[in-house]
Amino acid sequence: MLAPERKILTDNCQGKSLGRLSDVIADTKGGAYFNGDAVYYVRAKGQTTCFGEDLRTNGIMLSRDEKTFYATNDAVLVAFDVLPDGTVKNERNFAKLEAGVSGDGMAIDSEGRLYISTGPGIQVISAEGKHLGVIPLPRAASSIAFSGPDKRTLYAKGAGSLGPDGQEFRTPAGVRNNAKSIYKVTMLSQGYMGRPK
């Protein structure tokens, strides 16, 4: 339920369409970052800033202290410095994903490690930008989040699903197959408790 009332904060940036929106992360200042044709920051009162127009991004995340903003850019993870007003500067390559795959959704743990959903599974990057490894999944992952009372469970959405008969779910020719599987991974690490995502 949206309360007290539903309203549109923004539907464009500098007169340009936002495109097909993909991901969102709220900050503690009342603003939110989201992505579509670019990456955007919208303040609580609706002022919108665009950045990263040359990024091919699906996943976005803030560092625990909200001083760094991360975005996937195909097989690279980029970082920006976050200014006090929520805008960003100083785009730079932060880490490279393994196996030449593009990153999708992203989560962060209590130690600042980043978790990026990809084809081979969930790739883990240290707070310093070092590739630590892959949590393999049976299907390509596109969205992830820590959850549970102690945030020690990592959920991932995988492409495709088995039907009730145990066979791969298929749609008729010409109909997009949007079937998904949800995976639950019990973690030793804990998701960051300072924000919902």
Protein backbone atom coordinates (compact mmCIF):
# COMPACT_ATOMS: atom_id res chain seq x y z
CA MET A 1 0.00 0.00 0.00
CA LEU A 2 1.36 3.40 -0.94
CA ALA A 3 0.75 6.04 1.70
CA PRO A 4 -0.26 8.73 2.11
CA GLU A 5 -0.76 9.00 -1.66
CA ARG A 6 0.77 7.74 -4.88
CA LYS A 7 2.57 10.34 -6.97
CA ILE A 8 5.10 10.42 -9.81
CA LEU A 9 8.46 11.81 -8.71
CA THR A 10 9.97 11.76 -12.19
CA ASP A 11 9.28 10.40 -15.65
CA ASN A 12 12.22 11.99 -17.50
CA CYS A 13 15.71 13.37 -17.02
CA GLN A 14 16.64 16.57 -18.82
CA GLY A 15 13.67 15.99 -21.13
CA LYS A 16 14.76 12.46 -22.11
CA SER A 17 12.77 9.30 -21.41
CA LEU A 18 14.03 7.10 -18.58
CA GLY A 19 13.73 4.01 -20.79
CA ARG A 20 12.92 0.56 -19.46
CA LEU A 21 13.68 0.67 -15.75
CA SER A 22 15.60 -2.19 -14.16
CA ASP A 23 16.82 -1.79 -10.57
CA VAL A 24 16.55 0.59 -7.61
CA ILE A 25 18.47 1.28 -4.39
CA ALA A 26 17.30 3.83 -1.79
CA ASP A 27 19.77 5.87 0.23
CA THR A 28 19.38 7.15 3.81
CA LYS A 29 18.92 10.76 2.59
CA GLY A 30 15.47 9.99 1.19
CA GLY A 31 16.63 9.65 -2.42
CA ALA A 32 16.93 6.68 -4.73
CA TYR A 33 19.22 5.52 -7.53
CA PHE A 34 17.69 3.60 -10.42
CA ASN A 35 18.66 2.58 -13.92
CA GLY A 36 17.13 2.41 -17.37
CA ASP A 37 18.65 4.08 -20.45
CA ALA A 38 21.18 5.64 -18.03
CA VAL A 39 21.60 5.70 -14.27
CA TYR A 40 19.57 8.23 -12.31
CA TYR A 41 19.36 9.75 -8.86
CA VAL A 42 16.03 11.18 -7.72
CA ARG A 43 15.82 13.26 -4.56
CA ALA A 44 12.82 13.00 -2.23
CA LYS A 45 11.30 16.13 -3.80
CA GLY A 46 11.68 14.78 -7.34
CA GLN A 47 14.77 16.53 -8.74
CA THR A 48 16.44 13.99 -11.02
CA THR A 49 20.08 13.76 -12.10
CA CYS A 50 21.27 11.50 -14.96
CA PHE A 51 24.71 9.95 -15.19
CA GLY A 52 26.44 6.97 -16.76
CA GLU A 53 24.81 7.39 -20.18
CA ASP A 54 27.45 5.13 -21.75
CA LEU A 55 26.92 2.28 -19.27
CA ARG A 56 25.21 -0.98 -20.14
CA THR A 57 23.97 -1.64 -16.64
CA ASN A 58 21.43 -3.83 -14.91
CA GLY A 59 22.76 -4.03 -11.35
CA ILE A 60 23.36 -1.10 -8.99
CA MET A 61 24.39 -0.82 -5.33
CA LEU A 62 25.65 1.63 -2.71
CA SER A 63 28.56 0.94 -0.39
CA ARG A 64 27.68 0.56 3.28
CA ASP A 65 28.75 4.13 4.08
CA GLU A 66 26.98 5.41 0.91
CA LYS A 67 30.18 7.10 -0.27
CA THR A 68 30.53 4.84 -3.33
CA PHE A 69 27.95 3.91 -5.96
CA TYR A 70 28.50 0.72 -8.00
CA ALA A 71 26.99 -0.31 -11.34
CA THR A 72 27.49 -3.24 -13.66
CA ASN A 73 28.76 -2.35 -17.13
CA ASP A 74 28.66 -5.57 -19.14
CA ALA A 75 31.56 -7.64 -17.71
CA VAL A 76 32.98 -4.78 -15.63
CA LEU A 77 31.88 -3.30 -12.32
CA VAL A 78 32.28 0.49 -12.22
CA ALA A 79 32.37 2.74 -9.17
CA PHE A 80 31.55 6.42 -8.62
CA ASP A 81 32.21 8.73 -5.67
CA VAL A 82 28.93 9.91 -4.10
CA LEU A 83 28.73 13.60 -3.24
CA PRO A 84 26.76 14.93 -0.20
CA ASP A 85 23.76 15.82 -2.40
CA GLY A 86 23.57 12.27 -3.80
CA THR A 87 25.06 13.08 -7.21
CA VAL A 88 28.18 11.22 -8.31
CA LYS A 89 31.57 11.89 -9.92
CA ASN A 90 34.82 10.11 -10.78
CA GLU A 91 33.60 7.07 -12.74
CA ARG A 92 36.21 4.31 -12.76
CA ASN A 93 36.53 0.58 -13.39
CA PHE A 94 36.38 -1.21 -10.04
CA ALA A 95 36.42 -4.95 -10.83
CA LYS A 96 36.17 -7.40 -13.71
CA LEU A 97 33.67 -10.25 -13.72
CA GLU A 98 35.03 -13.69 -14.62
CA ALA A 99 34.08 -15.87 -17.61
CA GLY A 100 33.38 -12.86 -19.86
CA VAL A 101 29.78 -12.56 -18.72
CA SER A 102 27.64 -9.50 -18.03
CA GLY A 103 26.50 -8.68 -14.51
CA ASP A 104 22.87 -8.24 -13.58
CA GLY A 105 21.46 -7.78 -10.05
CA MET A 106 23.63 -6.85 -7.08
CA ALA A 107 23.68 -7.17 -3.28
CA ILE A 108 26.16 -6.19 -0.54
CA ASP A 109 27.13 -7.92 2.69
CA SER A 110 28.13 -6.62 6.12
CA GLU A 111 31.83 -6.68 5.14
CA GLY A 112 31.30 -4.63 1.98
CA ARG A 113 31.63 -7.57 -0.42
CA LEU A 114 29.52 -7.23 -3.57
CA TYR A 115 27.47 -10.12 -4.97
CA ILE A 116 26.62 -9.90 -8.69
CA SER A 117 24.21 -12.25 -10.45
CA THR A 118 25.58 -13.65 -13.73
CA GLY A 119 25.23 -16.62 -16.07
CA PRO A 120 27.59 -18.97 -14.15
CA GLY A 121 26.12 -17.94 -10.79
CA ILE A 122 26.73 -15.25 -8.19
CA GLN A 123 30.16 -13.64 -8.49
CA VAL A 124 31.65 -12.22 -5.30
CA ILE A 125 33.89 -9.13 -5.31
CA SER A 126 35.78 -7.86 -2.25
CA ALA A 127 35.38 -4.31 -0.92
CA GLU A 128 38.77 -3.62 -2.55
CA GLY A 129 37.66 -4.83 -6.00
CA LYS A 130 39.22 -8.32 -6.01
CA HIS A 131 37.28 -11.21 -7.59
CA LEU A 132 36.82 -13.75 -4.78
CA GLY A 133 34.88 -16.51 -6.53
CA VAL A 134 31.53 -17.73 -7.82
CA ILE A 135 28.58 -19.27 -5.99
CA PRO A 136 27.38 -21.65 -8.73
CA LEU A 137 23.68 -21.97 -9.53
CA PRO A 138 21.88 -24.41 -11.85
CA ARG A 139 20.49 -21.52 -13.93
CA ALA A 140 21.70 -18.08 -14.98
CA ALA A 141 20.88 -15.63 -12.16
CA SER A 142 19.41 -12.20 -12.81
CA SER A 143 18.39 -10.84 -9.42
CA ILE A 144 19.65 -11.39 -5.86
CA ALA A 145 18.96 -10.16 -2.32
CA PHE A 146 19.93 -11.00 1.24
CA SER A 147 16.93 -11.69 3.46
CA GLY A 148 15.71 -13.32 6.65
CA PRO A 149 15.76 -11.97 10.22
CA ASP A 150 19.58 -12.09 10.34
CA LYS A 151 20.12 -11.56 6.57
CA ARG A 152 22.09 -14.79 6.27
CA THR A 153 20.00 -16.11 3.39
CA LEU A 154 20.75 -15.10 -0.19
CA TYR A 155 17.88 -15.45 -2.66
CA ALA A 156 18.49 -15.56 -6.41
CA LYS A 157 16.14 -15.54 -9.38
CA GLY A 158 17.19 -17.93 -12.14
CA ALA A 159 16.10 -18.02 -15.79
CA GLY A 160 13.72 -20.86 -16.64
CA SER A 161 11.77 -23.38 -14.61
CA LEU A 162 10.58 -26.96 -14.48
CA GLY A 163 6.87 -27.60 -14.98
CA PRO A 164 4.70 -29.78 -12.69
CA ASP A 165 5.71 -32.81 -14.79
CA GLY A 166 9.40 -32.25 -14.02
CA GLN A 167 10.16 -31.20 -17.59
CA GLU A 168 11.49 -27.82 -18.71
CA PHE A 169 8.62 -25.35 -18.95
CA ARG A 170 8.06 -24.21 -22.55
CA THR A 171 5.71 -21.69 -24.11
CA PRO A 172 4.15 -21.87 -27.57
CA ALA A 173 6.24 -20.57 -30.49
CA GLY A 174 6.28 -16.78 -30.56
CA VAL A 175 5.39 -16.42 -26.86
CA ARG A 176 8.18 -15.16 -24.59
CA ASN A 177 9.13 -17.71 -21.94
CA ASN A 178 9.40 -15.73 -18.74
CA ALA A 179 9.42 -18.71 -16.36
CA LYS A 180 11.75 -18.27 -13.38
CA SER A 181 13.20 -20.34 -10.55
CA ILE A 182 14.04 -19.02 -7.08
CA TYR A 183 17.13 -20.31 -5.27
CA LYS A 184 17.77 -20.01 -1.54
CA VAL A 185 21.41 -20.10 -0.38
CA THR A 186 22.25 -20.28 3.34
CA MET A 187 25.26 -18.02 3.87
CA LEU A 188 28.10 -17.76 6.38
CA SER A 189 28.33 -14.06 5.52
CA GLN A 190 25.59 -11.66 6.53
CA GLY A 191 23.85 -9.10 4.31
CA TYR A 192 24.26 -5.46 5.22
CA MET A 193 21.69 -4.58 7.91
CA GLY A 194 21.76 -0.79 7.38
CA ARG A 195 19.33 -0.79 4.40
CA PRO A 196 16.55 -3.04 3.16
CA LYS A 197 18.64 -4.13 0.15
